[in-house]
């Protein structure tokens, strides 16, 4: 699929907006205004490229905790995220009941995941089975970190989808560290995509710092799924520029020189450089986007700080069916 200049600029904008929201979250944490943040810096190309390969709002998504850029591209706003970080009542995923980055968004068919990693894989395969039984042409996209491919739930979910030829796209975001453990200590194969051959579905590794390469690979997998040809496994390889989370000291397991060297392949920088080279993005347009992103983030923080917390008496709602409110 050939992308127009407008779509390419929109993809860059989504990456930029997610990055600036992510950076502000780190500042808020250091200011003591939020308790926790888990960052997606370095993952933006893989996530935005995948999102744009979907029919957004029609297909289904079961994300994982690092998917800020994916959710941004699906319509999750900076204000939504700031409300989540601050645990406010208007937060769309859980009304302030869950920890941040446990995404869900009804308008995007994005389904909330559990804190234990890999459980969203099984959710995706279950949704894929429902799609097949209903004879719909929808697909499910689910994401995970490479360390989580060691979990039993991941194998069960992928195996089920392969056996029943379900319309699921499994994306592994390999950022080189499962918290503090490098890939060679997690798996005996060079790539998570190599695991596909033993499970009976096609596997492909793609440069996760190239938003357009990811878009092309996921688009191909989506086309297969819509035709009833079954699931695909795609490993997007990038580098996690930040610590695992705001509670992690990554200096204990990697050098500053390693991090700085990998910043040379920052996906935001790479997309910007490519678009400038193609004459699709000017300095003036970049400055305009930066100003717009700053304004949106400033307004999101202000709105979230002013928003109320959930009422204590609502803590258990809507956990129990008998308390579902009507009207």
Protein backbone atom coordinates (compact mmCIF):
# COMPACT_ATOMS: atom_id res chain seq x y z
CA UNK A 1 0.00 0.00 0.00
CA UNK A 2 1.42 3.35 -1.07
CA UNK A 3 1.19 5.97 1.66
CA UNK A 4 0.33 9.57 0.83
CA UNK A 5 2.44 12.46 2.07
CA UNK A 6 -0.41 13.43 4.40
CA UNK A 7 -0.55 9.97 6.01
CA UNK A 8 3.23 9.89 6.42
CA UNK A 9 3.15 13.24 8.19
CA UNK A 10 0.28 12.02 10.38
CA UNK A 11 2.32 8.97 11.38
CA UNK A 12 5.24 11.21 12.33
CA UNK A 13 2.87 13.44 14.30
CA UNK A 14 1.54 10.51 16.31
CA UNK A 15 5.09 9.43 17.13
CA UNK A 16 6.03 12.97 18.15
CA UNK A 17 2.94 13.47 20.31
CA UNK A 18 3.47 10.16 22.11
CA UNK A 19 7.13 11.04 22.73
CA UNK A 20 6.32 14.44 24.23
CA UNK A 21 3.59 12.97 26.44
CA UNK A 22 6.02 10.27 27.58
CA UNK A 23 8.75 12.79 28.35
CA UNK A 24 6.36 14.91 30.41
CA UNK A 25 5.38 11.83 32.43
CA UNK A 26 9.01 11.43 33.49
CA UNK A 27 9.09 15.08 34.58
CA UNK A 28 5.89 14.66 36.58
CA UNK A 29 7.35 11.61 38.30
CA UNK A 30 10.53 13.44 39.23
CA UNK A 31 8.39 16.28 40.60
CA UNK A 32 6.55 13.82 42.83
CA UNK A 33 3.23 14.45 41.08
CA UNK A 34 2.73 10.85 39.94
CA UNK A 35 3.76 7.57 41.54
CA UNK A 36 4.80 5.47 38.56
CA UNK A 37 5.55 5.60 34.84
CA UNK A 38 6.53 2.90 32.35
CA UNK A 39 7.94 4.39 29.19
CA UNK A 40 7.59 3.64 25.49
CA UNK A 41 10.41 5.90 24.30
CA UNK A 42 12.15 4.09 21.44
CA UNK A 43 9.04 2.04 20.57
CA UNK A 44 7.06 4.71 18.73
CA UNK A 45 7.80 3.56 15.17
CA UNK A 46 6.77 -0.04 15.81
CA UNK A 47 3.56 0.97 17.54
CA UNK A 48 2.42 3.70 15.17
CA UNK A 49 3.32 1.63 12.10
CA UNK A 50 1.21 -1.24 13.43
CA UNK A 51 -1.74 1.00 14.33
CA UNK A 52 -1.91 2.52 10.86
CA UNK A 53 -2.04 -0.94 9.28
CA UNK A 54 -5.38 -1.56 11.03
CA UNK A 55 -8.87 -0.30 10.40
CA UNK A 56 -8.78 1.73 13.57
CA UNK A 57 -12.03 1.56 15.54
CA UNK A 58 -13.09 -1.55 13.60
CA UNK A 59 -10.35 -4.09 14.32
CA UNK A 60 -9.47 -5.21 17.84
CA UNK A 61 -6.33 -4.57 19.89
CA UNK A 62 -5.01 -6.17 23.08
CA UNK A 63 -2.02 -3.98 23.98
CA UNK A 64 0.72 -4.25 26.57
CA UNK A 65 1.91 -1.74 29.12
CA UNK A 66 4.52 0.02 26.94
CA UNK A 67 2.05 0.86 24.14
CA UNK A 68 1.58 4.61 24.65
CA UNK A 69 2.24 5.43 20.97
CA UNK A 70 -0.05 2.62 19.79
CA UNK A 71 -2.86 3.86 22.00
CA UNK A 72 -2.23 7.47 20.96
CA UNK A 73 -2.62 6.44 17.32
CA UNK A 74 -5.88 4.68 18.26
CA UNK A 75 -7.34 7.83 19.80
CA UNK A 76 -6.19 7.74 23.43
CA UNK A 77 -5.55 11.42 24.16
CA UNK A 78 -2.82 13.10 26.23
CA UNK A 79 -5.52 14.08 28.72
CA UNK A 80 -6.66 10.45 28.96
CA UNK A 81 -3.11 9.44 29.81
CA UNK A 82 -2.52 12.19 32.36
CA UNK A 83 -5.79 11.28 34.09
CA UNK A 84 -4.52 7.69 34.24
CA UNK A 85 -1.13 8.69 35.64
CA UNK A 86 -2.82 10.70 38.38
CA UNK A 87 -5.53 8.12 39.12
CA UNK A 88 -8.43 10.45 38.42
CA UNK A 89 -12.09 9.42 38.13
CA UNK A 90 -12.48 10.44 34.48
CA UNK A 91 -9.67 8.14 33.30
CA UNK A 92 -11.21 6.02 30.50
CA UNK A 93 -9.62 2.62 31.17
CA UNK A 94 -10.82 2.02 34.72
CA UNK A 95 -12.06 5.24 36.28
CA UNK A 96 -8.81 5.55 38.21
CA UNK A 97 -8.90 2.02 39.66
CA UNK A 98 -5.97 0.50 37.76
CA UNK A 99 -2.31 1.46 37.68
CA UNK A 100 -1.27 3.54 34.65
CA UNK A 101 -0.70 2.00 31.20
CA UNK A 102 -3.26 -0.77 31.69
CA UNK A 103 -4.98 0.44 28.58
CA UNK A 104 -8.50 0.07 27.34
CA UNK A 105 -10.52 2.26 25.00
CA UNK A 106 -14.01 1.28 23.86
CA UNK A 107 -13.96 3.51 20.78
CA UNK A 108 -10.84 1.71 19.55
CA UNK A 109 -11.87 -1.85 20.52
CA UNK A 110 -8.80 -1.86 22.78
CA UNK A 111 -9.19 -4.39 25.59
CA UNK A 112 -7.62 -3.97 29.02
CA UNK A 113 -4.89 -6.40 30.00
CA UNK A 114 -3.82 -7.86 33.33
CA UNK A 115 -0.62 -6.93 35.14
CA UNK A 116 0.91 -10.43 34.63
CA UNK A 117 2.62 -10.29 31.25
CA UNK A 118 1.43 -12.37 28.25
CA UNK A 119 -2.18 -12.76 29.34
CA UNK A 120 -3.28 -10.41 26.54
CA UNK A 121 -2.11 -13.05 24.05
CA UNK A 122 -4.86 -15.40 25.17
CA UNK A 123 -7.40 -12.57 25.09
CA UNK A 124 -6.41 -11.87 21.48
CA UNK A 125 -6.85 -15.47 20.41
CA UNK A 126 -10.23 -15.63 22.13
CA UNK A 127 -11.38 -12.53 20.29
CA UNK A 128 -9.97 -14.00 17.08
CA UNK A 129 -12.03 -17.15 17.57
CA UNK A 130 -15.18 -15.06 18.08
CA UNK A 131 -14.45 -13.14 14.87
CA UNK A 132 -14.07 -16.39 12.96
CA UNK A 133 -17.27 -17.88 14.38
CA UNK A 134 -19.18 -14.73 13.48
CA UNK A 135 -17.68 -14.75 9.97
CA UNK A 136 -16.47 -11.16 10.29
CA UNK A 137 -13.51 -9.70 8.40
CA UNK A 138 -12.00 -8.05 11.48
CA UNK A 139 -8.52 -8.81 12.81
CA UNK A 140 -6.91 -8.68 16.24
CA UNK A 141 -3.52 -7.14 16.91
CA UNK A 142 -1.73 -7.96 20.14
CA UNK A 143 1.65 -6.80 21.38
CA UNK A 144 4.18 -8.04 23.89
CA UNK A 145 7.82 -7.63 24.91
CA UNK A 146 10.35 -10.25 23.87
CA UNK A 147 10.91 -11.39 27.45
CA UNK A 148 7.22 -12.28 27.73
CA UNK A 149 7.52 -14.82 24.91
CA UNK A 150 9.00 -17.11 27.57
CA UNK A 151 5.61 -17.21 29.31
CA UNK A 152 3.32 -20.20 28.92
CA UNK A 153 0.34 -18.00 28.13
CA UNK A 154 2.10 -16.66 25.06
CA UNK A 155 2.74 -20.14 23.67
CA UNK A 156 -0.81 -21.23 24.42
CA UNK A 157 -2.33 -18.18 22.73
CA UNK A 158 -0.15 -18.35 19.62
CA UNK A 159 -0.58 -22.12 19.31
CA UNK A 160 -4.38 -21.84 19.58
CA UNK A 161 -4.48 -19.16 16.89
CA UNK A 162 -2.25 -21.20 14.59
CA UNK A 163 -4.24 -24.42 15.01
CA UNK A 164 -7.56 -22.67 14.29
CA UNK A 165 -6.18 -20.21 11.69
CA UNK A 166 -7.46 -17.21 13.62
CA UNK A 167 -7.12 -13.62 12.36
CA UNK A 168 -4.54 -12.54 14.93
CA UNK A 169 -1.32 -10.57 14.42
CA UNK A 170 1.18 -11.21 17.21
CA UNK A 171 3.73 -8.41 17.52
CA UNK A 172 6.80 -8.86 19.70
CA UNK A 173 8.53 -5.58 20.54
CA UNK A 174 12.12 -6.67 21.14
CA UNK A 175 13.78 -3.76 22.91
CA UNK A 176 16.86 -5.79 23.94
CA UNK A 177 16.02 -6.06 27.64
CA UNK A 178 13.42 -7.97 29.65
CA UNK A 179 13.79 -5.49 32.49
CA UNK A 180 17.53 -6.16 32.97
CA UNK A 181 18.06 -9.38 31.00
CA UNK A 182 19.31 -9.31 27.36
CA UNK A 183 17.77 -11.57 24.67
CA UNK A 184 20.55 -14.17 24.69
CA UNK A 185 19.68 -14.97 28.30
CA UNK A 186 15.96 -15.31 27.46
CA UNK A 187 15.94 -17.50 24.37
CA UNK A 188 18.25 -19.80 22.42
CA UNK A 189 17.17 -18.48 19.00
CA UNK A 190 18.31 -15.21 17.41
CA UNK A 191 14.80 -13.77 17.11
CA UNK A 192 11.37 -14.24 18.63
CA UNK A 193 10.13 -14.56 15.05
CA UNK A 194 12.12 -17.83 14.79
CA UNK A 195 9.71 -19.37 17.29
CA UNK A 196 6.95 -19.17 14.69
CA UNK A 197 8.19 -22.17 12.70
CA UNK A 198 7.62 -24.49 15.65
CA UNK A 199 4.11 -23.18 16.18
CA UNK A 200 2.90 -23.35 12.59
CA UNK A 201 2.57 -19.75 11.50
CA UNK A 202 4.76 -17.35 9.48
CA UNK A 203 7.34 -15.31 11.39
CA UNK A 204 9.17 -12.17 10.33
CA UNK A 205 11.64 -9.80 11.94
CA UNK A 206 11.43 -6.14 10.94
CA UNK A 207 13.33 -2.98 11.87
CA UNK A 208 11.24 -1.57 14.69
CA UNK A 209 12.84 1.86 14.35
CA UNK A 210 11.42 2.25 10.81
CA UNK A 211 7.74 3.20 11.04
CA UNK A 212 7.13 2.57 7.34
CA UNK A 213 8.82 -0.85 7.35
CA UNK A 214 6.62 -1.87 10.28
CA UNK A 215 3.55 -0.57 8.51
CA UNK A 216 4.38 -2.66 5.43
CA UNK A 217 5.01 -5.85 7.42
CA UNK A 218 1.87 -5.53 9.56
CA UNK A 219 -0.25 -4.59 6.53
CA UNK A 220 0.80 -7.84 4.87
CA UNK A 221 -0.11 -9.80 8.01
CA UNK A 222 -3.47 -8.02 8.25
CA UNK A 223 -4.25 -8.86 4.63
CA UNK A 224 -3.49 -12.54 5.29
CA UNK A 225 -5.72 -12.54 8.36
CA UNK A 226 -8.65 -10.90 6.58
CA UNK A 227 -8.45 -13.52 3.82
CA UNK A 228 -8.77 -16.29 6.38
CA UNK A 229 -5.15 -17.39 5.99
CA UNK A 230 -4.46 -17.32 9.71
CA UNK A 231 -2.19 -15.54 12.17
CA UNK A 232 1.28 -14.03 11.78
CA UNK A 233 4.14 -13.37 14.18
CA UNK A 234 6.22 -10.23 13.70
CA UNK A 235 9.22 -9.23 15.79
CA UNK A 236 9.91 -5.49 15.71
CA UNK A 237 13.45 -4.85 16.89
CA UNK A 238 14.35 -1.57 18.57
CA UNK A 239 16.13 -0.32 21.69
CA UNK A 240 14.58 0.72 24.99
CA UNK A 241 16.13 4.15 25.48
CA UNK A 242 14.76 4.68 29.00
CA UNK A 243 14.92 2.48 32.11
CA UNK A 244 12.36 -0.30 32.31
CA UNK A 245 10.17 1.93 34.47
CA UNK A 246 10.45 4.81 36.89
CA UNK A 247 11.40 2.25 39.58
CA UNK A 248 14.35 0.84 37.60
CA UNK A 249 18.01 1.88 37.78
CA UNK A 250 19.29 0.70 34.40
CA UNK A 251 22.86 1.75 35.23
CA UNK A 252 23.19 -1.54 37.09
CA UNK A 253 23.03 -3.62 33.90
CA UNK A 254 24.03 -1.40 30.92
CA UNK A 255 26.51 1.38 30.29
CA UNK A 256 25.70 4.98 29.43
CA UNK A 257 27.84 4.54 26.30
CA UNK A 258 25.58 1.73 25.11
CA UNK A 259 22.47 3.86 25.57
CA UNK A 260 23.98 6.87 23.81
CA UNK A 261 25.13 4.75 20.87
CA UNK A 262 21.62 3.35 20.42
CA UNK A 263 20.08 6.82 20.50
CA UNK A 264 21.54 7.26 17.02
CA UNK A 265 18.69 5.02 15.82
CA UNK A 266 15.99 6.90 17.68
CA UNK A 267 12.84 6.15 15.64
CA UNK A 268 11.59 9.73 15.90
CA UNK A 269 14.86 11.05 14.49
CA UNK A 270 14.88 8.44 11.74
CA UNK A 271 11.32 9.21 10.62
CA UNK A 272 11.98 12.94 10.65
CA UNK A 273 15.21 12.57 8.66
CA UNK A 274 13.51 10.39 6.04
CA UNK A 275 10.54 12.72 5.60
CA UNK A 276 12.80 15.73 5.32
CA UNK A 277 14.90 13.93 2.71
CA UNK A 278 11.76 13.09 0.72
CA UNK A 279 10.63 16.72 0.89
CA UNK A 280 7.53 15.80 2.86
CA UNK A 281 8.38 17.63 6.08
CA UNK A 282 9.80 21.13 6.48
CA UNK A 283 11.40 22.83 9.46
CA UNK A 284 8.34 25.09 9.70
CA UNK A 285 6.01 22.08 9.84
CA UNK A 286 8.16 20.42 12.50
CA UNK A 287 8.15 23.59 14.60
CA UNK A 288 4.37 23.81 14.25
CA UNK A 289 3.97 20.20 15.37
CA UNK A 290 6.27 20.75 18.34
CA UNK A 291 4.30 23.80 19.45
CA UNK A 292 1.01 21.95 19.07
CA UNK A 293 2.32 18.96 21.04
CA UNK A 294 3.57 21.20 23.86
CA UNK A 295 0.22 22.97 24.06
CA UNK A 296 -1.71 19.69 24.12
CA UNK A 297 0.53 18.24 26.83
CA UNK A 298 0.35 21.42 28.93
CA UNK A 299 -3.43 21.45 28.68
CA UNK A 300 -3.63 17.73 29.49
CA UNK A 301 -1.57 18.11 32.66
CA UNK A 302 -3.61 21.12 33.76
CA UNK A 303 -6.91 19.31 33.14
CA UNK A 304 -5.76 16.17 34.96
CA UNK A 305 -4.49 18.08 37.97
CA UNK A 306 -7.85 19.84 38.28
CA UNK A 307 -9.93 16.68 37.82
CA UNK A 308 -11.45 14.94 40.86
CA UNK A 309 -10.31 11.62 42.27
CA UNK A 310 -12.79 8.71 42.38
CA UNK A 311 -15.20 8.77 45.30
CA UNK A 312 -14.25 6.22 48.00
CA UNK A 313 -17.71 4.66 47.86
CA UNK A 314 -17.19 3.89 44.15
CA UNK A 315 -14.10 1.75 44.74
CA UNK A 316 -15.95 -1.53 44.13
CA UNK A 317 -18.06 -0.32 41.19
CA UNK A 318 -18.56 -2.01 38.76
CA UNK A 319 -16.83 -5.12 40.11
CA UNK A 320 -20.08 -6.97 40.91
CA UNK A 321 -22.85 -7.47 38.36
CA UNK A 322 -25.59 -6.60 40.82
CA UNK A 323 -24.17 -3.10 41.16
CA UNK A 324 -24.34 -2.25 37.47
CA UNK A 325 -26.12 1.07 37.22
CA UNK A 326 -28.90 1.66 34.76
CA UNK A 327 -29.92 4.79 32.92
